[in-house]
Amino acid sequence: MSPNPSVDLPPIPRVLWEAVIPAGTHWSGLLRRGIALRVVDLDGGANLSALFYRQEDPLERYNMADTLKAQHTAHLTRGFVLYSDMGRVMASITADTLGWHDPLGGIGDSALFTRKYGVARYQEERNAMIRNGRDSLLIEIAKYGLGARDLVANVNFFSKLAVAEDGDLEFVSNHSRVGDAFDLRFEMNTLAAFSTAPHPMDPAARYQPKAVKLIAYRAYATDAGVPADDPCRSHCAENERGFTNTERLFA
């Protein structure tokens, strides 16, 4: 799949590995410092709910509030970074064809999905069963000794929420098209957990999750680090401090 032609993505220097997260399933893994993922919407209309934890100490994890207030934003796109709750930069969005990813909408649980979509259990439906985002992420983080108390506010990549005239948040349908993609570069060794379950505010009456593709590549040598003129680092003074805090961790 090629990304939308309206926004060019840089070429990938050398692919390390590739994986597809099928529609309505989940994935987790260790992304080391200097590795980047190109994440591609294979079918259009994808939602990728994501959690991030520092690999060496999972008590340090992605912090939505610090990420948004430090960068004076309510959405994420190219040039923005994801902060941990220790003021360090965990990952950076270095390329993006969409221009908007949702950090506010949260994840759906079993009760919500049952009300919206009904019940489809594995015993009868096998791989067509209905999986919700919360349970999917809990399954993945349990592999690393984490549980419900470790669930924090997540990022919903590929999804967009707009503010209505009355102030309510509204889900924007058809935001992501086939081939839309973004690059996420990891600045520390990070445990990432992903779910392709639908966004909890998606108004679609039918359960129609979409698959995404992960393409891993090396963005920079660990000992080289991120240069001073990097667009994510130089985005604002807070990001410069965040990168400095991260580099001290690896000094």
C-alpha atoms as a PDB file:
ATOM      1  CA  MET A   1       0.000   0.000   0.000  1.00  0.00           C
ATOM      2  CA  SER A   2       1.290   3.471  -0.806  1.00  0.00           C
ATOM      3  CA  PRO A   3       0.364   6.469   1.331  1.00  0.00           C
ATOM      4  CA  ASN A   4      -1.886   9.217   0.057  1.00  0.00           C
ATOM      5  CA  PRO A   5      -0.028  11.286  -2.541  1.00  0.00           C
ATOM      6  CA  SER A   6      -1.000  14.604  -0.948  1.00  0.00           C
ATOM      7  CA  VAL A   7       1.715  14.188   1.706  1.00  0.00           C
ATOM      8  CA  ASP A   8       5.021  12.518   0.895  1.00  0.00           C
ATOM      9  CA  LEU A   9       6.595  10.162   3.407  1.00  0.00           C
ATOM     10  CA  PRO A  10      10.385   9.817   3.440  1.00  0.00           C
ATOM     11  CA  PRO A  11      11.775   6.583   2.019  1.00  0.00           C
ATOM     12  CA  ILE A  12      12.560   3.832   4.504  1.00  0.00           C
ATOM     13  CA  PRO A  13      16.332   3.202   4.466  1.00  0.00           C
ATOM     14  CA  ARG A  14      16.207  -0.521   5.308  1.00  0.00           C
ATOM     15  CA  VAL A  15      13.310  -2.538   6.613  1.00  0.00           C
ATOM     16  CA  LEU A  16      14.132  -4.511   9.776  1.00  0.00           C
ATOM     17  CA  TRP A  17      10.848  -6.380  10.013  1.00  0.00           C
ATOM     18  CA  GLU A  18       7.193  -6.127   9.079  1.00  0.00           C
ATOM     19  CA  ALA A  19       4.002  -7.273  10.768  1.00  0.00           C
ATOM     20  CA  VAL A  20       0.280  -6.911  10.159  1.00  0.00           C
ATOM     21  CA  ILE A  21      -2.104  -6.453  13.075  1.00  0.00           C
ATOM     22  CA  PRO A  22      -5.330  -7.985  11.748  1.00  0.00           C
ATOM     23  CA  ALA A  23      -8.635  -6.177  12.169  1.00  0.00           C
ATOM     24  CA  GLY A  24      -9.942  -6.309  15.725  1.00  0.00           C
ATOM     25  CA  THR A  25      -6.854  -7.929  17.226  1.00  0.00           C
ATOM     26  CA  HIS A  26      -3.879  -6.769  19.292  1.00  0.00           C
ATOM     27  CA  TRP A  27      -0.075  -6.742  19.364  1.00  0.00           C
ATOM     28  CA  SER A  28       2.760  -5.774  21.684  1.00  0.00           C
ATOM     29  CA  GLY A  29       6.530  -5.630  21.531  1.00  0.00           C
ATOM     30  CA  LEU A  30       9.756  -3.920  22.510  1.00  0.00           C
ATOM     31  CA  LEU A  31      10.818  -0.982  20.333  1.00  0.00           C
ATOM     32  CA  ARG A  32      14.372   0.030  21.141  1.00  0.00           C
ATOM     33  CA  ARG A  33      15.798   3.538  21.142  1.00  0.00           C
ATOM     34  CA  GLY A  34      16.530   4.670  17.576  1.00  0.00           C
ATOM     35  CA  ILE A  35      13.992   2.311  15.974  1.00  0.00           C
ATOM     36  CA  ALA A  36      10.998   3.720  14.113  1.00  0.00           C
ATOM     37  CA  LEU A  37       7.713   2.231  12.967  1.00  0.00           C
ATOM     38  CA  ARG A  38       5.895   3.201   9.824  1.00  0.00           C
ATOM     39  CA  VAL A  39       2.263   2.408  10.591  1.00  0.00           C
ATOM     40  CA  VAL A  40      -0.044   2.018   7.590  1.00  0.00           C
ATOM     41  CA  ASP A  41      -3.845   1.912   7.366  1.00  0.00           C
ATOM     42  CA  LEU A  42      -4.388  -1.052   5.040  1.00  0.00           C
ATOM     43  CA  ASP A  43      -8.142  -0.782   4.493  1.00  0.00           C
ATOM     44  CA  GLY A  44      -9.134   2.797   5.358  1.00  0.00           C
ATOM     45  CA  GLY A  45     -10.952   3.791   8.539  1.00  0.00           C
ATOM     46  CA  ALA A  46      -8.473   2.185  10.924  1.00  0.00           C
ATOM     47  CA  ASN A  47      -8.134   2.951  14.604  1.00  0.00           C
ATOM     48  CA  LEU A  48      -4.980   1.968  16.488  1.00  0.00           C
ATOM     49  CA  SER A  49      -5.234   2.354  20.257  1.00  0.00           C
ATOM     50  CA  ALA A  50      -1.775   2.486  21.831  1.00  0.00           C
ATOM     51  CA  LEU A  51      -0.108   2.382  25.247  1.00  0.00           C
ATOM     52  CA  PHE A  52       3.593   2.950  25.937  1.00  0.00           C
ATOM     53  CA  TYR A  53       5.832   2.005  28.894  1.00  0.00           C
ATOM     54  CA  ARG A  54       9.557   2.356  29.518  1.00  0.00           C
ATOM     55  CA  GLN A  55      11.013  -1.119  29.054  1.00  0.00           C
ATOM     56  CA  GLU A  56      13.485  -1.017  31.955  1.00  0.00           C
ATOM     57  CA  ASP A  57      10.950   0.443  34.404  1.00  0.00           C
ATOM     58  CA  PRO A  58       7.293   0.175  33.308  1.00  0.00           C
ATOM     59  CA  LEU A  59       6.229   2.464  36.154  1.00  0.00           C
ATOM     60  CA  GLU A  60       7.337   5.189  33.748  1.00  0.00           C
ATOM     61  CA  ARG A  61       4.759   5.388  30.998  1.00  0.00           C
ATOM     62  CA  TYR A  62       3.099   7.656  28.441  1.00  0.00           C
ATOM     63  CA  ASN A  63       1.393  10.669  30.027  1.00  0.00           C
ATOM     64  CA  MET A  64      -1.391  12.245  28.006  1.00  0.00           C
ATOM     65  CA  ALA A  65      -1.746  15.399  30.112  1.00  0.00           C
ATOM     66  CA  ASP A  66       1.953  16.297  29.979  1.00  0.00           C
ATOM     67  CA  THR A  67       2.124  15.497  26.258  1.00  0.00           C
ATOM     68  CA  LEU A  68      -0.694  17.914  25.435  1.00  0.00           C
ATOM     69  CA  LYS A  69       0.081  20.776  27.796  1.00  0.00           C
ATOM     70  CA  ALA A  70       3.817  20.813  27.051  1.00  0.00           C
ATOM     71  CA  GLN A  71       3.115  21.205  23.331  1.00  0.00           C
ATOM     72  CA  HIS A  72      -0.042  23.361  23.643  1.00  0.00           C
ATOM     73  CA  THR A  73      -2.191  21.013  21.580  1.00  0.00           C
ATOM     74  CA  ALA A  74      -5.264  18.783  21.744  1.00  0.00           C
ATOM     75  CA  HIS A  75      -4.244  16.491  18.881  1.00  0.00           C
ATOM     76  CA  LEU A  76      -1.059  14.837  17.608  1.00  0.00           C
ATOM     77  CA  THR A  77       0.685  14.927  14.236  1.00  0.00           C
ATOM     78  CA  ARG A  78       4.130  15.398  12.672  1.00  0.00           C
ATOM     79  CA  GLY A  79       6.500  17.343  14.908  1.00  0.00           C
ATOM     80  CA  PHE A  80       4.838  16.339  18.168  1.00  0.00           C
ATOM     81  CA  VAL A  81       6.261  13.900  20.710  1.00  0.00           C
ATOM     82  CA  LEU A  82       4.872  11.565  23.353  1.00  0.00           C
ATOM     83  CA  TYR A  83       6.017  12.387  26.898  1.00  0.00           C
ATOM     84  CA  SER A  84       6.431  10.009  29.801  1.00  0.00           C
ATOM     85  CA  ASP A  85       5.308  10.946  33.299  1.00  0.00           C
ATOM     86  CA  MET A  86       8.974  11.669  34.109  1.00  0.00           C
ATOM     87  CA  GLY A  87       9.258  14.495  31.579  1.00  0.00           C
ATOM     88  CA  ARG A  88      11.160  12.412  29.043  1.00  0.00           C
ATOM     89  CA  VAL A  89      10.372  11.948  25.358  1.00  0.00           C
ATOM     90  CA  MET A  90       9.301   8.375  24.663  1.00  0.00           C
ATOM     91  CA  ALA A  91       8.543   8.664  20.948  1.00  0.00           C
ATOM     92  CA  SER A  92       8.265  11.245  18.170  1.00  0.00           C
ATOM     93  CA  ILE A  93       5.912  11.525  15.196  1.00  0.00           C
ATOM     94  CA  THR A  94       8.358  12.274  12.392  1.00  0.00           C
ATOM     95  CA  ALA A  95       6.045  11.897   9.382  1.00  0.00           C
ATOM     96  CA  ASP A  96       2.275  11.833   8.939  1.00  0.00           C
ATOM     97  CA  THR A  97      -0.166  11.858   6.034  1.00  0.00           C
ATOM     98  CA  LEU A  98      -3.241  12.517   8.189  1.00  0.00           C
ATOM     99  CA  GLY A  99      -2.427  15.641  10.222  1.00  0.00           C
ATOM    100  CA  TRP A 100      -4.519  14.555  13.215  1.00  0.00           C
ATOM    101  CA  HIS A 101      -4.464  11.688  15.734  1.00  0.00           C
ATOM    102  CA  ASP A 102      -6.739  11.540  18.778  1.00  0.00           C
ATOM    103  CA  PRO A 103      -5.230  11.533  22.306  1.00  0.00           C
ATOM    104  CA  LEU A 104      -8.530  12.182  24.118  1.00  0.00           C
ATOM    105  CA  GLY A 105     -11.162   9.592  23.172  1.00  0.00           C
ATOM    106  CA  GLY A 106      -9.974   6.656  25.299  1.00  0.00           C
ATOM    107  CA  ILE A 107     -10.828   2.999  24.679  1.00  0.00           C
ATOM    108  CA  GLY A 108     -14.045   1.025  24.596  1.00  0.00           C
ATOM    109  CA  ASP A 109     -14.748  -1.756  27.099  1.00  0.00           C
ATOM    110  CA  SER A 110     -16.882  -4.903  26.990  1.00  0.00           C
ATOM    111  CA  ALA A 111     -20.062  -3.197  28.202  1.00  0.00           C
ATOM    112  CA  LEU A 112     -19.824  -0.457  25.562  1.00  0.00           C
ATOM    113  CA  PHE A 113     -19.107  -2.851  22.715  1.00  0.00           C
ATOM    114  CA  THR A 114     -21.951  -5.180  23.766  1.00  0.00           C
ATOM    115  CA  ARG A 115     -24.409  -2.262  23.706  1.00  0.00           C
ATOM    116  CA  LYS A 116     -23.159  -1.076  20.317  1.00  0.00           C
ATOM    117  CA  TYR A 117     -22.459  -4.313  18.473  1.00  0.00           C
ATOM    118  CA  GLY A 118     -24.079  -7.163  20.379  1.00  0.00           C
ATOM    119  CA  VAL A 119     -22.279 -10.371  21.352  1.00  0.00           C
ATOM    120  CA  ALA A 120     -20.029 -12.498  19.143  1.00  0.00           C
ATOM    121  CA  ARG A 121     -17.997 -15.009  21.151  1.00  0.00           C
ATOM    122  CA  TYR A 122     -14.997 -17.027  20.041  1.00  0.00           C
ATOM    123  CA  GLN A 123     -16.826 -20.295  20.682  1.00  0.00           C
ATOM    124  CA  GLU A 124     -19.263 -19.511  17.856  1.00  0.00           C
ATOM    125  CA  GLU A 125     -17.508 -16.910  15.701  1.00  0.00           C
ATOM    126  CA  ARG A 126     -13.828 -17.897  16.055  1.00  0.00           C
ATOM    127  CA  ASN A 127     -11.631 -15.095  14.681  1.00  0.00           C
ATOM    128  CA  ALA A 128     -14.716 -13.024  13.811  1.00  0.00           C
ATOM    129  CA  MET A 129     -15.425 -12.574  17.531  1.00  0.00           C
ATOM    130  CA  ILE A 130     -15.910  -9.034  18.851  1.00  0.00           C
ATOM    131  CA  ARG A 131     -12.884  -7.753  20.766  1.00  0.00           C
ATOM    132  CA  ASN A 132     -12.930  -4.460  22.640  1.00  0.00           C
ATOM    133  CA  GLY A 133      -9.951  -2.168  23.058  1.00  0.00           C
ATOM    134  CA  ARG A 134      -9.672  -2.313  26.835  1.00  0.00           C
ATOM    135  CA  ASP A 135      -9.553  -6.096  27.106  1.00  0.00           C
ATOM    136  CA  SER A 136      -7.212  -6.286  24.110  1.00  0.00           C
ATOM    137  CA  LEU A 137      -4.703  -3.937  25.704  1.00  0.00           C
ATOM    138  CA  LEU A 138      -4.981  -5.706  29.058  1.00  0.00           C
ATOM    139  CA  ILE A 139      -4.117  -9.006  27.371  1.00  0.00           C
ATOM    140  CA  GLU A 140      -0.998  -7.482  25.837  1.00  0.00           C
ATOM    141  CA  ILE A 141       0.361  -5.650  28.890  1.00  0.00           C
ATOM    142  CA  ALA A 142      -0.253  -8.748  31.057  1.00  0.00           C
ATOM    143  CA  LYS A 143       2.576 -10.383  29.107  1.00  0.00           C
ATOM    144  CA  TYR A 144       4.938  -7.944  30.889  1.00  0.00           C
ATOM    145  CA  GLY A 145       3.490  -8.247  34.385  1.00  0.00           C
ATOM    146  CA  LEU A 146       1.189  -5.232  34.055  1.00  0.00           C
ATOM    147  CA  GLY A 147      -2.532  -5.080  34.790  1.00  0.00           C
ATOM    148  CA  ALA A 148      -5.652  -2.934  35.066  1.00  0.00           C
ATOM    149  CA  ARG A 149      -4.025  -0.444  37.427  1.00  0.00           C
ATOM    150  CA  ASP A 150      -1.405   0.207  34.741  1.00  0.00           C
ATOM    151  CA  LEU A 151      -3.944   1.284  32.120  1.00  0.00           C
ATOM    152  CA  VAL A 152      -3.474   4.982  31.416  1.00  0.00           C
ATOM    153  CA  ALA A 153      -4.957   7.366  28.858  1.00  0.00           C
ATOM    154  CA  ASN A 154      -4.083   6.012  25.425  1.00  0.00           C
ATOM    155  CA  VAL A 155      -3.511   7.435  21.958  1.00  0.00           C
ATOM    156  CA  ASN A 156      -5.934   6.595  19.147  1.00  0.00           C
ATOM    157  CA  PHE A 157      -3.878   6.793  15.974  1.00  0.00           C
ATOM    158  CA  PHE A 158      -5.725   7.283  12.661  1.00  0.00           C
ATOM    159  CA  SER A 159      -8.782   8.744  14.469  1.00  0.00           C
ATOM    160  CA  LYS A 160     -10.011  12.328  14.785  1.00  0.00           C
ATOM    161  CA  LEU A 161     -12.416  14.049  17.158  1.00  0.00           C
ATOM    162  CA  ALA A 162     -13.894  17.457  16.301  1.00  0.00           C
ATOM    163  CA  VAL A 163     -15.516  19.962  18.653  1.00  0.00           C
ATOM    164  CA  ALA A 164     -19.191  20.607  17.883  1.00  0.00           C
ATOM    165  CA  GLU A 165     -20.866  23.976  18.319  1.00  0.00           C
ATOM    166  CA  ASP A 166     -22.203  22.930  21.732  1.00  0.00           C
ATOM    167  CA  GLY A 167     -18.714  21.886  22.845  1.00  0.00           C
ATOM    168  CA  ASP A 168     -19.250  18.145  22.559  1.00  0.00           C
ATOM    169  CA  LEU A 169     -16.595  15.997  20.943  1.00  0.00           C
ATOM    170  CA  GLU A 170     -17.680  14.336  17.699  1.00  0.00           C
ATOM    171  CA  PHE A 171     -16.029  11.440  15.903  1.00  0.00           C
ATOM    172  CA  VAL A 172     -14.975  12.313  12.350  1.00  0.00           C
ATOM    173  CA  SER A 173     -15.821   9.402  10.065  1.00  0.00           C
ATOM    174  CA  ASN A 174     -13.666   8.529   7.045  1.00  0.00           C
ATOM    175  CA  HIS A 175     -10.721  10.492   8.446  1.00  0.00           C
ATOM    176  CA  SER A 176      -8.110   7.899   7.506  1.00  0.00           C
ATOM    177  CA  ARG A 177      -8.007   6.522   3.978  1.00  0.00           C
ATOM    178  CA  VAL A 178      -6.406   3.445   2.470  1.00  0.00           C
ATOM    179  CA  GLY A 179      -2.628   3.877   2.604  1.00  0.00           C
ATOM    180  CA  ASP A 180      -2.562   6.707   5.126  1.00  0.00           C
ATOM    181  CA  ALA A 181       0.465   6.328   7.377  1.00  0.00           C
ATOM    182  CA  PHE A 182       2.660   7.897  10.030  1.00  0.00           C
ATOM    183  CA  ASP A 183       6.179   7.303  11.356  1.00  0.00           C
ATOM    184  CA  LEU A 184       6.726   6.870  15.087  1.00  0.00           C
ATOM    185  CA  ARG A 185      10.368   7.061  16.200  1.00  0.00           C
ATOM    186  CA  PHE A 186      11.251   5.682  19.629  1.00  0.00           C
ATOM    187  CA  GLU A 187      13.605   7.754  21.798  1.00  0.00           C
ATOM    188  CA  MET A 188      13.821   5.249  24.650  1.00  0.00           C
ATOM    189  CA  ASN A 189      13.443   1.472  24.949  1.00  0.00           C
ATOM    190  CA  THR A 190       9.663   1.193  24.933  1.00  0.00           C
ATOM    191  CA  LEU A 191       7.079  -1.502  25.491  1.00  0.00           C
ATOM    192  CA  ALA A 192       4.239  -0.741  23.085  1.00  0.00           C
ATOM    193  CA  ALA A 193       0.781  -2.325  23.169  1.00  0.00           C
ATOM    194  CA  PHE A 194      -1.620  -1.861  20.250  1.00  0.00           C
ATOM    195  CA  SER A 195      -5.268  -2.710  19.579  1.00  0.00           C
ATOM    196  CA  THR A 196      -7.091  -2.371  16.260  1.00  0.00           C
ATOM    197  CA  ALA A 197     -10.549  -2.409  17.869  1.00  0.00           C
ATOM    198  CA  PRO A 198     -12.817   0.459  16.742  1.00  0.00           C
ATOM    199  CA  HIS A 199     -12.667   3.854  18.441  1.00  0.00           C
ATOM    200  CA  PRO A 200     -15.195   4.014  21.324  1.00  0.00           C
ATOM    201  CA  MET A 201     -16.922   7.040  19.753  1.00  0.00           C
ATOM    202  CA  ASP A 202     -17.172   5.574  16.255  1.00  0.00           C
ATOM    203  CA  PRO A 203     -20.902   5.893  15.405  1.00  0.00           C
ATOM    204  CA  ALA A 204     -20.925   2.916  12.995  1.00  0.00           C
ATOM    205  CA  ALA A 205     -23.688   0.470  13.948  1.00  0.00           C
ATOM    206  CA  ARG A 206     -21.706  -2.554  12.772  1.00  0.00           C
ATOM    207  CA  TYR A 207     -18.459  -3.860  14.232  1.00  0.00           C
ATOM    208  CA  GLN A 208     -15.990  -3.167  11.418  1.00  0.00           C
ATOM    209  CA  PRO A 209     -12.393  -3.006  12.709  1.00  0.00           C
ATOM    210  CA  LYS A 210      -9.569  -2.495  10.218  1.00  0.00           C
ATOM    211  CA  ALA A 211      -6.060  -3.916   9.895  1.00  0.00           C
ATOM    212  CA  VAL A 212      -2.819  -1.947  10.111  1.00  0.00           C
ATOM    213  CA  LYS A 213       0.726  -2.759   9.021  1.00  0.00           C
ATOM    214  CA  LEU A 214       3.887  -2.116  11.046  1.00  0.00           C
ATOM    215  CA  ILE A 215       7.174  -1.572   9.200  1.00  0.00           C
ATOM    216  CA  ALA A 216      10.212  -1.260  11.492  1.00  0.00           C
ATOM    217  CA  TYR A 217      13.423   0.491  10.485  1.00  0.00           C
ATOM    218  CA  ARG A 218      16.415   2.129  12.153  1.00  0.00           C
ATOM    219  CA  ALA A 219      15.970   5.884  12.311  1.00  0.00           C
ATOM    220  CA  TYR A 220      19.321   6.718  13.914  1.00  0.00           C
ATOM    221  CA  ALA A 221      22.291   5.139  15.632  1.00  0.00           C
ATOM    222  CA  THR A 222      21.810   5.043  19.388  1.00  0.00           C
ATOM    223  CA  ASP A 223      25.140   6.729  20.114  1.00  0.00           C
ATOM    224  CA  ALA A 224      24.378   9.527  17.633  1.00  0.00           C
ATOM    225  CA  GLY A 225      21.058  10.575  19.127  1.00  0.00           C
ATOM    226  CA  VAL A 226      18.684  13.192  17.728  1.00  0.00           C
ATOM    227  CA  PRO A 227      20.310  16.310  16.191  1.00  0.00           C
ATOM    228  CA  ALA A 228      19.529  19.796  17.463  1.00  0.00           C
ATOM    229  CA  ASP A 229      17.666  20.768  14.283  1.00  0.00           C
ATOM    230  CA  ASP A 230      15.359  17.739  14.354  1.00  0.00           C
ATOM    231  CA  PRO A 231      11.789  19.042  13.729  1.00  0.00           C
ATOM    232  CA  CYS A 232      10.376  17.229  16.767  1.00  0.00           C
ATOM    233  CA  ARG A 233      13.176  18.362  19.062  1.00  0.00           C
ATOM    234  CA  SER A 234      13.035  21.991  17.885  1.00  0.00           C
ATOM    235  CA  HIS A 235       9.226  22.120  17.843  1.00  0.00           C
ATOM    236  CA  CYS A 236       9.198  24.030  21.142  1.00  0.00           C
ATOM    237  CA  ALA A 237      11.416  24.752  24.145  1.00  0.00           C
ATOM    238  CA  GLU A 238       9.646  22.072  26.178  1.00  0.00           C
ATOM    239  CA  ASN A 239      10.605  19.421  23.636  1.00  0.00           C
ATOM    240  CA  GLU A 240      14.253  20.451  23.770  1.00  0.00           C
ATOM    241  CA  ARG A 241      14.181  19.920  27.537  1.00  0.00           C
ATOM    242  CA  GLY A 242      12.360  16.610  27.111  1.00  0.00           C
ATOM    243  CA  PHE A 243      14.987  15.282  24.697  1.00  0.00           C
ATOM    244  CA  THR A 244      17.758  16.440  27.046  1.00  0.00           C
ATOM    245  CA  ASN A 245      16.102  14.558  29.911  1.00  0.00           C
ATOM    246  CA  THR A 246      15.904  11.430  27.755  1.00  0.00           C
ATOM    247  CA  GLU A 247      19.546  11.659  26.663  1.00  0.00           C
ATOM    248  CA  ARG A 248      20.713  11.922  30.268  1.00  0.00           C
ATOM    249  CA  LEU A 249      19.003   8.580  30.912  1.00  0.00           C
ATOM    250  CA  PHE A 250      21.295   6.977  28.304  1.00  0.00           C
ATOM    251  CA  ALA A 251      24.454   8.974  28.999  1.00  0.00           C
END
